[in-house]
């Protein structure tokens, strides 16, 4: 963000711009959305957009951060009461697919970021992997999962969930069957078992 608002009215304006951008980028895509579209949908003056954000790229960067934070919060809330890491991974995968199903439109923003703001896209996955690695390392030290490079394992698990999410939720919109989820749980168990 270019300028962080100091007043309640300013924070409300930024929130309107962010909400409008999120909706437009997820519906029309980054390229097809103009700043005029965002300002109109947000109900703010065109110039006010530039008071808070330098460009569409700046708002895309902000949206990637919001998506990262919201997704991580959702996964944490749904796994924090689990103490066994393998169980946490099984539930985490299922909850990621659930989150993706409910947020399939905003996932398009991440795909656009890969092309239009690659450093934000990279930040999304590096931040995710960094936090993920910390939890995996702790589980390794406790003897709950196989001892390997925690960063490598984090990226491996992220890659698996990402590709399965693309195949079963975004591309074909069918979701994983109960049998496929059971098979995935078996694979995770065998891969992670110490």
N, C-alpha and C. Protein backbone atom coordinates (compact mmCIF):
# COMPACT_ATOMS: atom_id res chain seq x y z
N UNK A 1 0.85 -1.17 0.00
CA UNK A 1 0.00 0.00 0.00
C UNK A 1 0.89 1.23 0.00
N UNK A 2 0.50 2.20 -0.76
CA UNK A 2 1.26 3.43 -0.96
C UNK A 2 1.13 4.36 0.26
N UNK A 3 -0.10 4.53 0.72
CA UNK A 3 -0.36 5.40 1.84
C UNK A 3 -1.29 4.69 2.81
N UNK A 4 -0.86 4.55 4.05
CA UNK A 4 -1.69 3.89 5.06
C UNK A 4 -2.58 4.94 5.71
N UNK A 5 -3.90 4.73 5.66
CA UNK A 5 -4.82 5.74 6.20
C UNK A 5 -4.71 5.87 7.72
N UNK A 6 -4.89 7.10 8.18
CA UNK A 6 -4.80 7.36 9.62
C UNK A 6 -6.16 7.61 10.25
N UNK A 7 -7.17 7.79 9.42
CA UNK A 7 -8.52 8.06 9.94
C UNK A 7 -9.45 6.89 9.65
N UNK A 8 -10.54 6.83 10.38
CA UNK A 8 -11.55 5.79 10.16
C UNK A 8 -12.12 5.88 8.74
N UNK A 9 -12.39 7.10 8.29
CA UNK A 9 -12.92 7.30 6.94
C UNK A 9 -11.92 6.81 5.89
N UNK A 10 -10.66 7.08 6.12
CA UNK A 10 -9.62 6.61 5.20
C UNK A 10 -9.55 5.09 5.17
N UNK A 11 -9.63 4.45 6.36
CA UNK A 11 -9.61 2.99 6.43
C UNK A 11 -10.83 2.40 5.72
N UNK A 12 -11.97 3.05 5.85
CA UNK A 12 -13.19 2.59 5.16
C UNK A 12 -13.02 2.70 3.64
N UNK A 13 -12.40 3.78 3.19
CA UNK A 13 -12.16 3.97 1.76
C UNK A 13 -11.24 2.88 1.21
N UNK A 14 -10.15 2.61 1.93
CA UNK A 14 -9.22 1.56 1.51
C UNK A 14 -9.93 0.21 1.48
N UNK A 15 -10.75 -0.04 2.47
CA UNK A 15 -11.50 -1.31 2.53
C UNK A 15 -12.43 -1.45 1.32
N UNK A 16 -13.08 -0.36 0.93
CA UNK A 16 -13.96 -0.38 -0.25
C UNK A 16 -13.15 -0.68 -1.52
N UNK A 17 -11.98 -0.05 -1.63
CA UNK A 17 -11.13 -0.26 -2.80
C UNK A 17 -10.65 -1.71 -2.86
N UNK A 18 -10.24 -2.23 -1.72
CA UNK A 18 -9.77 -3.62 -1.66
C UNK A 18 -10.90 -4.59 -2.01
N UNK A 19 -12.07 -4.37 -1.43
CA UNK A 19 -13.21 -5.25 -1.69
C UNK A 19 -13.59 -5.20 -3.18
N UNK A 20 -13.67 -4.02 -3.74
CA UNK A 20 -14.01 -3.87 -5.16
C UNK A 20 -12.97 -4.54 -6.05
N UNK A 21 -11.70 -4.36 -5.72
CA UNK A 21 -10.61 -4.97 -6.50
C UNK A 21 -10.68 -6.49 -6.43
N UNK A 22 -10.91 -7.01 -5.23
CA UNK A 22 -11.01 -8.46 -5.03
C UNK A 22 -12.13 -9.02 -5.91
N UNK A 23 -13.28 -8.37 -5.90
CA UNK A 23 -14.42 -8.84 -6.69
C UNK A 23 -14.14 -8.75 -8.18
N UNK A 24 -13.63 -7.62 -8.62
CA UNK A 24 -13.39 -7.42 -10.06
C UNK A 24 -12.27 -8.31 -10.60
N UNK A 25 -11.16 -8.41 -9.86
CA UNK A 25 -10.06 -9.25 -10.32
C UNK A 25 -10.49 -10.72 -10.37
N UNK A 26 -11.32 -11.13 -9.42
CA UNK A 26 -11.74 -12.54 -9.41
C UNK A 26 -12.79 -12.82 -10.49
N UNK A 27 -13.58 -11.82 -10.85
CA UNK A 27 -14.61 -12.00 -11.89
C UNK A 27 -14.05 -11.80 -13.29
N UNK A 28 -13.37 -10.67 -13.50
CA UNK A 28 -12.92 -10.28 -14.84
C UNK A 28 -11.46 -10.60 -15.11
N UNK A 29 -10.70 -10.74 -14.06
CA UNK A 29 -9.26 -10.92 -14.20
C UNK A 29 -8.53 -9.59 -14.05
N UNK A 30 -7.25 -9.67 -13.79
CA UNK A 30 -6.43 -8.48 -13.56
C UNK A 30 -6.36 -7.59 -14.79
N UNK A 31 -6.08 -8.18 -15.93
CA UNK A 31 -5.88 -7.41 -17.16
C UNK A 31 -7.14 -6.68 -17.60
N UNK A 32 -8.28 -7.33 -17.49
CA UNK A 32 -9.54 -6.75 -17.98
C UNK A 32 -10.14 -5.72 -17.02
N UNK A 33 -9.57 -5.58 -15.84
CA UNK A 33 -10.08 -4.63 -14.85
C UNK A 33 -9.26 -3.34 -14.89
N UNK A 34 -9.96 -2.22 -15.00
CA UNK A 34 -9.26 -0.92 -15.00
C UNK A 34 -9.39 -0.27 -13.62
N UNK A 35 -8.57 0.72 -13.39
CA UNK A 35 -8.67 1.47 -12.14
C UNK A 35 -10.01 2.21 -12.09
N UNK A 36 -10.50 2.65 -13.23
CA UNK A 36 -11.83 3.28 -13.28
C UNK A 36 -12.91 2.30 -12.83
N UNK A 37 -12.78 1.03 -13.27
CA UNK A 37 -13.73 0.00 -12.83
C UNK A 37 -13.72 -0.14 -11.31
N UNK A 38 -12.51 -0.17 -10.77
CA UNK A 38 -12.35 -0.34 -9.31
C UNK A 38 -12.95 0.84 -8.57
N UNK A 39 -12.61 2.06 -9.00
CA UNK A 39 -13.12 3.27 -8.35
C UNK A 39 -14.65 3.32 -8.42
N UNK A 40 -15.20 2.99 -9.58
CA UNK A 40 -16.65 3.01 -9.74
C UNK A 40 -17.32 1.98 -8.83
N UNK A 41 -16.80 0.76 -8.82
CA UNK A 41 -17.40 -0.29 -7.97
C UNK A 41 -17.26 0.06 -6.49
N UNK A 42 -16.14 0.67 -6.12
CA UNK A 42 -15.90 1.04 -4.72
C UNK A 42 -16.69 2.29 -4.32
N UNK A 43 -17.17 3.04 -5.31
CA UNK A 43 -17.91 4.26 -5.02
C UNK A 43 -17.01 5.38 -4.53
N UNK A 44 -15.79 5.42 -5.07
CA UNK A 44 -14.85 6.47 -4.67
C UNK A 44 -14.36 7.21 -5.92
N UNK A 45 -13.83 8.38 -5.73
CA UNK A 45 -13.29 9.15 -6.85
C UNK A 45 -12.06 8.43 -7.41
N UNK A 46 -11.91 8.52 -8.72
CA UNK A 46 -10.81 7.87 -9.43
C UNK A 46 -9.46 8.25 -8.81
N UNK A 47 -9.28 9.53 -8.54
CA UNK A 47 -8.01 10.01 -7.98
C UNK A 47 -7.74 9.49 -6.58
N UNK A 48 -8.80 9.14 -5.85
CA UNK A 48 -8.64 8.63 -4.49
C UNK A 48 -7.93 7.26 -4.50
N UNK A 49 -8.16 6.49 -5.56
CA UNK A 49 -7.44 5.22 -5.69
C UNK A 49 -5.94 5.48 -5.61
N UNK A 50 -5.49 6.49 -6.39
CA UNK A 50 -4.06 6.79 -6.46
C UNK A 50 -3.52 7.43 -5.18
N UNK A 51 -4.39 7.91 -4.34
CA UNK A 51 -3.94 8.44 -3.05
C UNK A 51 -3.44 7.29 -2.17
N UNK A 52 -4.09 6.13 -2.29
CA UNK A 52 -3.74 4.98 -1.45
C UNK A 52 -2.88 3.92 -2.15
N UNK A 53 -3.01 3.82 -3.46
CA UNK A 53 -2.27 2.81 -4.21
C UNK A 53 -1.62 3.44 -5.43
N UNK A 54 -0.40 3.03 -5.74
CA UNK A 54 0.32 3.58 -6.89
C UNK A 54 -0.28 3.10 -8.21
N UNK A 55 -0.73 1.83 -8.22
CA UNK A 55 -1.19 1.23 -9.47
C UNK A 55 -2.01 -0.02 -9.18
N UNK A 56 -2.49 -0.64 -10.24
CA UNK A 56 -3.18 -1.93 -10.10
C UNK A 56 -2.23 -2.97 -9.52
N UNK A 57 -0.96 -2.87 -9.85
CA UNK A 57 0.03 -3.83 -9.35
C UNK A 57 0.16 -3.73 -7.84
N UNK A 58 0.05 -2.52 -7.33
CA UNK A 58 0.13 -2.28 -5.89
C UNK A 58 -1.07 -2.93 -5.18
N UNK A 59 -2.25 -2.80 -5.75
CA UNK A 59 -3.43 -3.41 -5.14
C UNK A 59 -3.36 -4.93 -5.27
N UNK A 60 -2.83 -5.43 -6.37
CA UNK A 60 -2.67 -6.88 -6.54
C UNK A 60 -1.76 -7.43 -5.45
N UNK A 61 -0.69 -6.73 -5.16
CA UNK A 61 0.23 -7.11 -4.09
C UNK A 61 -0.52 -7.20 -2.76
N UNK A 62 -1.35 -6.21 -2.48
CA UNK A 62 -2.13 -6.18 -1.24
C UNK A 62 -3.12 -7.35 -1.18
N UNK A 63 -3.76 -7.65 -2.29
CA UNK A 63 -4.73 -8.76 -2.33
C UNK A 63 -4.04 -10.10 -2.08
N UNK A 64 -2.86 -10.30 -2.63
CA UNK A 64 -2.12 -11.54 -2.41
C UNK A 64 -1.82 -11.71 -0.92
N UNK A 65 -1.46 -10.63 -0.25
CA UNK A 65 -1.19 -10.69 1.20
C UNK A 65 -2.46 -11.05 1.97
N UNK A 66 -3.57 -10.47 1.59
CA UNK A 66 -4.85 -10.74 2.25
C UNK A 66 -5.26 -12.20 2.05
N UNK A 67 -5.12 -12.70 0.84
CA UNK A 67 -5.48 -14.09 0.55
C UNK A 67 -4.60 -15.03 1.37
N UNK A 68 -3.31 -14.74 1.43
CA UNK A 68 -2.38 -15.56 2.20
C UNK A 68 -2.80 -15.61 3.67
N UNK A 69 -3.06 -14.45 4.22
CA UNK A 69 -3.43 -14.34 5.63
C UNK A 69 -4.75 -15.07 5.91
N UNK A 70 -5.74 -14.86 5.07
CA UNK A 70 -7.05 -15.49 5.28
C UNK A 70 -6.99 -17.01 5.15
N UNK A 71 -6.24 -17.49 4.16
CA UNK A 71 -6.13 -18.93 3.97
C UNK A 71 -5.39 -19.58 5.15
N UNK A 72 -4.28 -18.98 5.55
CA UNK A 72 -3.53 -19.54 6.68
C UNK A 72 -4.36 -19.53 7.96
N UNK A 73 -5.11 -18.45 8.18
CA UNK A 73 -5.96 -18.36 9.37
C UNK A 73 -7.01 -19.47 9.35
N UNK A 74 -7.64 -19.69 8.19
CA UNK A 74 -8.66 -20.72 8.06
C UNK A 74 -8.09 -22.10 8.36
N UNK A 75 -6.92 -22.40 7.81
CA UNK A 75 -6.29 -23.69 8.04
C UNK A 75 -5.87 -23.86 9.49
N UNK A 76 -5.34 -22.80 10.09
CA UNK A 76 -4.92 -22.88 11.49
C UNK A 76 -6.11 -23.12 12.40
N UNK A 77 -7.20 -22.38 12.19
CA UNK A 77 -8.39 -22.56 13.03
C UNK A 77 -8.95 -23.97 12.95
N UNK A 78 -8.78 -24.61 11.81
CA UNK A 78 -9.34 -25.94 11.61
C UNK A 78 -8.39 -27.08 11.97
N UNK A 79 -7.15 -26.75 12.34
CA UNK A 79 -6.20 -27.81 12.70
C UNK A 79 -5.55 -27.59 14.07
N UNK A 80 -5.79 -26.46 14.70
CA UNK A 80 -5.04 -26.12 15.91
C UNK A 80 -5.33 -27.02 17.12
N UNK A 81 -6.44 -27.71 17.12
CA UNK A 81 -6.75 -28.59 18.24
C UNK A 81 -6.19 -29.99 18.06
N UNK A 82 -5.48 -30.23 16.98
CA UNK A 82 -4.89 -31.54 16.71
C UNK A 82 -3.45 -31.55 17.20
N UNK A 83 -3.04 -32.62 17.84
CA UNK A 83 -1.66 -32.69 18.34
C UNK A 83 -0.79 -33.59 17.49
N UNK A 84 -1.38 -34.52 16.76
CA UNK A 84 -0.62 -35.43 15.91
C UNK A 84 -0.45 -34.80 14.54
N UNK A 85 0.80 -34.65 14.09
CA UNK A 85 1.08 -33.93 12.84
C UNK A 85 0.50 -34.63 11.61
N UNK A 86 0.51 -35.95 11.60
CA UNK A 86 -0.05 -36.65 10.43
C UNK A 86 -1.55 -36.39 10.35
N UNK A 87 -2.23 -36.43 11.49
CA UNK A 87 -3.66 -36.09 11.50
C UNK A 87 -3.88 -34.64 11.06
N UNK A 88 -2.98 -33.77 11.51
CA UNK A 88 -3.06 -32.36 11.15
C UNK A 88 -2.94 -32.18 9.63
N UNK A 89 -2.05 -32.94 9.02
CA UNK A 89 -1.87 -32.86 7.57
C UNK A 89 -3.11 -33.36 6.84
N UNK A 90 -3.66 -34.46 7.30
CA UNK A 90 -4.86 -35.01 6.66
C UNK A 90 -6.01 -34.01 6.72
N UNK A 91 -6.25 -33.49 7.90
CA UNK A 91 -7.33 -32.50 8.06
C UNK A 91 -6.99 -31.24 7.30
N UNK A 92 -5.73 -30.83 7.34
CA UNK A 92 -5.30 -29.62 6.64
C UNK A 92 -5.54 -29.70 5.14
N UNK A 93 -5.25 -30.83 4.55
CA UNK A 93 -5.51 -31.00 3.12
C UNK A 93 -7.00 -30.88 2.83
N UNK A 94 -7.81 -31.58 3.62
CA UNK A 94 -9.27 -31.53 3.43
C UNK A 94 -9.79 -30.11 3.59
N UNK A 95 -9.28 -29.40 4.58
CA UNK A 95 -9.73 -28.03 4.83
C UNK A 95 -9.22 -27.07 3.75
N UNK A 96 -8.04 -27.35 3.19
CA UNK A 96 -7.57 -26.53 2.07
C UNK A 96 -8.51 -26.68 0.88
N UNK A 97 -8.91 -27.92 0.58
CA UNK A 97 -9.84 -28.14 -0.54
C UNK A 97 -11.17 -27.45 -0.27
N UNK A 98 -11.61 -27.48 0.98
CA UNK A 98 -12.85 -26.80 1.36
C UNK A 98 -12.70 -25.29 1.17
N UNK A 99 -11.57 -24.74 1.64
CA UNK A 99 -11.31 -23.30 1.48
C UNK A 99 -11.29 -22.94 0.00
N UNK A 100 -10.62 -23.77 -0.80
CA UNK A 100 -10.50 -23.51 -2.23
C UNK A 100 -11.88 -23.55 -2.90
N UNK A 101 -12.69 -24.51 -2.52
CA UNK A 101 -14.06 -24.61 -3.06
C UNK A 101 -14.84 -23.33 -2.78
N UNK A 102 -14.70 -22.81 -1.57
CA UNK A 102 -15.43 -21.60 -1.17
C UNK A 102 -14.81 -20.32 -1.68
N UNK A 103 -13.56 -20.40 -2.17
CA UNK A 103 -12.84 -19.20 -2.62
C UNK A 103 -12.25 -19.37 -4.00
N UNK A 104 -12.87 -20.22 -4.80
CA UNK A 104 -12.30 -20.52 -6.11
C UNK A 104 -12.10 -19.28 -6.97
N UNK A 105 -12.99 -18.30 -6.85
CA UNK A 105 -12.85 -17.09 -7.66
C UNK A 105 -11.63 -16.27 -7.27
N UNK A 106 -11.37 -16.17 -5.96
CA UNK A 106 -10.20 -15.36 -5.58
C UNK A 106 -8.89 -16.09 -5.83
N UNK A 107 -8.94 -17.41 -5.99
CA UNK A 107 -7.72 -18.13 -6.33
C UNK A 107 -7.21 -17.68 -7.70
N UNK A 108 -8.13 -17.20 -8.52
CA UNK A 108 -7.76 -16.66 -9.83
C UNK A 108 -6.80 -15.48 -9.67
N UNK A 109 -6.95 -14.75 -8.59
CA UNK A 109 -6.07 -13.61 -8.32
C UNK A 109 -4.63 -14.09 -8.16
N UNK A 110 -4.45 -15.22 -7.48
CA UNK A 110 -3.09 -15.78 -7.33
C UNK A 110 -2.51 -16.18 -8.68
N UNK A 111 -3.35 -16.77 -9.51
CA UNK A 111 -2.89 -17.18 -10.83
C UNK A 111 -2.50 -15.95 -11.65
N UNK A 112 -3.29 -14.88 -11.56
CA UNK A 112 -2.94 -13.63 -12.24
C UNK A 112 -1.64 -13.05 -11.67
N UNK A 113 -1.46 -13.17 -10.36
CA UNK A 113 -0.25 -12.64 -9.73
C UNK A 113 0.99 -13.35 -10.25
N UNK A 114 0.87 -14.62 -10.56
CA UNK A 114 2.02 -15.36 -11.08
C UNK A 114 2.56 -14.70 -12.35
N UNK A 115 1.65 -14.15 -13.16
CA UNK A 115 2.04 -13.51 -14.42
C UNK A 115 2.36 -12.03 -14.22
N UNK A 116 1.51 -11.31 -13.50
CA UNK A 116 1.59 -9.85 -13.43
C UNK A 116 2.37 -9.30 -12.24
N UNK A 117 2.54 -10.10 -11.22
CA UNK A 117 3.27 -9.65 -10.03
C UNK A 117 4.01 -10.85 -9.45
N UNK A 118 4.97 -11.41 -10.22
CA UNK A 118 5.62 -12.66 -9.81
C UNK A 118 6.27 -12.60 -8.43
N UNK A 119 6.76 -11.43 -8.04
CA UNK A 119 7.38 -11.33 -6.71
C UNK A 119 6.34 -11.50 -5.61
N UNK A 120 5.11 -11.06 -5.84
CA UNK A 120 4.03 -11.26 -4.85
C UNK A 120 3.62 -12.73 -4.81
N UNK A 121 3.56 -13.35 -5.98
CA UNK A 121 3.23 -14.78 -6.08
C UNK A 121 4.29 -15.60 -5.34
N UNK A 122 5.55 -15.27 -5.57
CA UNK A 122 6.64 -15.96 -4.90
C UNK A 122 6.57 -15.73 -3.38
N UNK A 123 6.28 -14.48 -2.98
CA UNK A 123 6.14 -14.16 -1.56
C UNK A 123 5.04 -15.02 -0.94
N UNK A 124 3.91 -15.20 -1.64
CA UNK A 124 2.80 -15.99 -1.13
C UNK A 124 3.28 -17.38 -0.74
N UNK A 125 3.97 -18.05 -1.65
CA UNK A 125 4.40 -19.42 -1.39
C UNK A 125 5.60 -19.51 -0.45
N UNK A 126 6.51 -18.54 -0.51
CA UNK A 126 7.64 -18.54 0.42
C UNK A 126 7.17 -18.33 1.85
N UNK A 127 6.21 -17.43 2.04
CA UNK A 127 5.67 -17.18 3.37
C UNK A 127 4.93 -18.42 3.87
N UNK A 128 4.14 -19.00 3.02
CA UNK A 128 3.40 -20.21 3.36
C UNK A 128 4.37 -21.33 3.73
N UNK A 129 5.39 -21.54 2.91
CA UNK A 129 6.36 -22.61 3.16
C UNK A 129 7.17 -22.36 4.42
N UNK A 130 7.51 -21.11 4.68
CA UNK A 130 8.30 -20.77 5.87
C UNK A 130 7.54 -21.14 7.13
N UNK A 131 6.27 -20.73 7.21
CA UNK A 131 5.44 -21.03 8.39
C UNK A 131 5.19 -22.54 8.48
N UNK A 132 4.94 -23.15 7.35
CA UNK A 132 4.68 -24.59 7.27
C UNK A 132 5.90 -25.37 7.76
N UNK A 133 7.09 -24.94 7.30
CA UNK A 133 8.35 -25.61 7.68
C UNK A 133 8.55 -25.61 9.18
N UNK A 134 8.19 -24.52 9.84
CA UNK A 134 8.37 -24.41 11.29
C UNK A 134 7.57 -25.49 12.02
N UNK A 135 6.30 -25.66 11.62
CA UNK A 135 5.47 -26.69 12.24
C UNK A 135 5.96 -28.09 11.93
N UNK A 136 6.42 -28.31 10.70
CA UNK A 136 6.94 -29.62 10.32
C UNK A 136 8.22 -29.94 11.09
N UNK A 137 9.08 -28.94 11.25
CA UNK A 137 10.33 -29.15 11.98
C UNK A 137 10.06 -29.53 13.43
N UNK A 138 9.10 -28.87 14.04
CA UNK A 138 8.71 -29.18 15.42
C UNK A 138 8.22 -30.63 15.51
N UNK A 139 7.40 -31.05 14.57
CA UNK A 139 6.88 -32.42 14.56
C UNK A 139 8.01 -33.42 14.34
N UNK A 140 9.00 -33.05 13.54
CA UNK A 140 10.16 -33.93 13.33
C UNK A 140 10.93 -34.11 14.62
N UNK A 141 11.16 -33.00 15.33
CA UNK A 141 11.91 -33.05 16.59
C UNK A 141 11.18 -33.88 17.65
N UNK A 142 9.85 -33.90 17.55
CA UNK A 142 9.04 -34.69 18.49
C UNK A 142 8.89 -36.15 18.04
N UNK A 143 9.47 -36.49 16.88
CA UNK A 143 9.42 -37.86 16.38
C UNK A 143 8.08 -38.23 15.76
N UNK A 144 7.25 -37.24 15.41
CA UNK A 144 5.92 -37.53 14.86
C UNK A 144 5.95 -37.84 13.37
N UNK A 145 6.91 -37.25 12.66
CA UNK A 145 6.99 -37.46 11.20
C UNK A 145 8.44 -37.72 10.80
N UNK A 146 8.60 -38.16 9.57
CA UNK A 146 9.91 -38.47 9.02
C UNK A 146 10.84 -37.24 9.11
N UNK A 147 12.11 -37.51 9.41
CA UNK A 147 13.07 -36.42 9.52
C UNK A 147 13.74 -36.20 8.17
N UNK A 148 13.34 -35.13 7.51
CA UNK A 148 13.91 -34.71 6.24
C UNK A 148 14.05 -33.20 6.29
N UNK A 149 14.50 -32.60 5.22
CA UNK A 149 14.59 -31.15 5.16
C UNK A 149 13.17 -30.58 5.27
N UNK A 150 12.87 -29.81 6.33
CA UNK A 150 11.50 -29.33 6.53
C UNK A 150 11.00 -28.40 5.42
N UNK A 151 11.89 -27.59 4.85
CA UNK A 151 11.48 -26.72 3.76
C UNK A 151 11.11 -27.54 2.52
N UNK A 152 11.93 -28.54 2.22
CA UNK A 152 11.65 -29.42 1.09
C UNK A 152 10.29 -30.11 1.27
N UNK A 153 10.04 -30.60 2.48
CA UNK A 153 8.76 -31.26 2.76
C UNK A 153 7.61 -30.28 2.66
N UNK A 154 7.79 -29.06 3.14
CA UNK A 154 6.73 -28.05 3.06
C UNK A 154 6.36 -27.78 1.60
N UNK A 155 7.36 -27.57 0.76
CA UNK A 155 7.08 -27.31 -0.66
C UNK A 155 6.47 -28.54 -1.35
N UNK A 156 6.89 -29.73 -0.94
CA UNK A 156 6.32 -30.95 -1.50
C UNK A 156 4.83 -31.03 -1.18
N UNK A 157 4.47 -30.79 0.07
CA UNK A 157 3.07 -30.86 0.49
C UNK A 157 2.24 -29.73 -0.14
N UNK A 158 2.82 -28.54 -0.23
CA UNK A 158 2.13 -27.43 -0.89
C UNK A 158 1.88 -27.76 -2.36
N UNK A 159 2.89 -28.32 -3.01
CA UNK A 159 2.76 -28.68 -4.42
C UNK A 159 1.67 -29.72 -4.64
N UNK A 160 1.61 -30.71 -3.77
CA UNK A 160 0.58 -31.74 -3.88
C UNK A 160 -0.80 -31.12 -3.72
N UNK A 161 -0.98 -30.32 -2.68
CA UNK A 161 -2.31 -29.73 -2.45
C UNK A 161 -2.70 -28.77 -3.57
N UNK A 162 -1.74 -28.01 -4.07
CA UNK A 162 -2.02 -27.07 -5.16
C UNK A 162 -2.48 -27.80 -6.42
N UNK A 163 -1.74 -28.83 -6.82
CA UNK A 163 -2.11 -29.55 -8.04
C UNK A 163 -3.42 -30.31 -7.89
N UNK A 164 -3.65 -30.91 -6.74
CA UNK A 164 -4.93 -31.60 -6.52
C UNK A 164 -6.07 -30.59 -6.51
N UNK A 165 -5.83 -29.42 -5.92
CA UNK A 165 -6.85 -28.38 -5.92
C UNK A 165 -7.19 -27.91 -7.33
N UNK A 166 -6.16 -27.75 -8.15
CA UNK A 166 -6.40 -27.36 -9.55
C UNK A 166 -7.22 -28.43 -10.25
N UNK A 167 -6.76 -29.68 -10.16
CA UNK A 167 -7.41 -30.78 -10.89
C UNK A 167 -8.85 -31.03 -10.43
N UNK A 168 -9.06 -31.14 -9.13
CA UNK A 168 -10.36 -31.61 -8.64
C UNK A 168 -11.34 -30.49 -8.30
N UNK A 169 -10.84 -29.27 -8.10
CA UNK A 169 -11.76 -28.21 -7.69
C UNK A 169 -11.85 -27.10 -8.74
N UNK A 170 -10.74 -26.61 -9.22
CA UNK A 170 -10.79 -25.49 -10.16
C UNK A 170 -11.05 -25.91 -11.60
N UNK A 171 -10.41 -26.97 -12.05
CA UNK A 171 -10.57 -27.36 -13.45
C UNK A 171 -11.86 -28.12 -13.70
N UNK A 172 -12.15 -29.09 -12.86
CA UNK A 172 -13.31 -29.95 -13.12
C UNK A 172 -14.44 -29.77 -12.12
N UNK A 173 -14.20 -29.03 -11.07
CA UNK A 173 -15.24 -28.64 -10.10
C UNK A 173 -16.01 -29.81 -9.50
N UNK A 174 -15.41 -30.95 -9.42
CA UNK A 174 -16.11 -32.11 -8.89
C UNK A 174 -15.72 -32.42 -7.45
N UNK A 175 -14.58 -31.93 -7.02
CA UNK A 175 -14.09 -32.25 -5.68
C UNK A 175 -13.57 -33.67 -5.62
N UNK A 176 -12.90 -34.00 -4.55
CA UNK A 176 -12.40 -35.36 -4.37
C UNK A 176 -13.50 -36.22 -3.76
N UNK A 177 -13.62 -37.43 -4.23
CA UNK A 177 -14.58 -38.37 -3.65
C UNK A 177 -14.06 -38.83 -2.30
N UNK A 178 -14.90 -39.48 -1.55
CA UNK A 178 -14.49 -40.02 -0.25
C UNK A 178 -13.35 -41.03 -0.45
N UNK A 179 -13.44 -41.84 -1.49
CA UNK A 179 -12.38 -42.83 -1.79
C UNK A 179 -11.07 -42.12 -2.11
N UNK A 180 -11.13 -41.05 -2.92
CA UNK A 180 -9.92 -40.31 -3.26
C UNK A 180 -9.30 -39.64 -2.03
N UNK A 181 -10.14 -39.11 -1.15
CA UNK A 181 -9.63 -38.52 0.09
C UNK A 181 -8.99 -39.59 0.97
N UNK A 182 -9.60 -40.76 1.03
CA UNK A 182 -9.01 -41.87 1.81
C UNK A 182 -7.67 -42.28 1.22
N UNK A 183 -7.60 -42.34 -0.11
CA UNK A 183 -6.34 -42.68 -0.77
C UNK A 183 -5.27 -41.62 -0.49
N UNK A 184 -5.67 -40.36 -0.54
CA UNK A 184 -4.75 -39.27 -0.24
C UNK A 184 -4.25 -39.37 1.20
N UNK A 185 -5.15 -39.65 2.13
CA UNK A 185 -4.76 -39.80 3.54
C UNK A 185 -3.77 -40.95 3.71
N UNK A 186 -3.98 -42.03 2.99
CA UNK A 186 -3.06 -43.16 3.04
C UNK A 186 -1.68 -42.75 2.52
N UNK A 187 -1.66 -42.02 1.40
CA UNK A 187 -0.39 -41.55 0.84
C UNK A 187 0.33 -40.61 1.82
N UNK A 188 -0.42 -39.69 2.41
CA UNK A 188 0.19 -38.76 3.37
C UNK A 188 0.76 -39.52 4.56
N UNK A 189 0.01 -40.48 5.06
CA UNK A 189 0.45 -41.27 6.21
C UNK A 189 1.74 -42.02 5.89
N UNK A 190 1.77 -42.66 4.73
CA UNK A 190 2.97 -43.44 4.36
C UNK A 190 4.16 -42.54 4.07
N UNK A 191 3.90 -41.38 3.49
CA UNK A 191 4.99 -40.45 3.18
C UNK A 191 5.58 -39.83 4.46
N UNK A 192 4.73 -39.54 5.42
CA UNK A 192 5.15 -38.78 6.59
C UNK A 192 5.56 -39.64 7.79
N UNK A 193 5.14 -40.89 7.80
CA UNK A 193 5.41 -41.75 8.96
C UNK A 193 6.91 -41.80 9.24
N UNK A 194 7.31 -41.64 10.53
CA UNK A 194 8.74 -41.67 10.85
C UNK A 194 9.37 -43.05 10.65
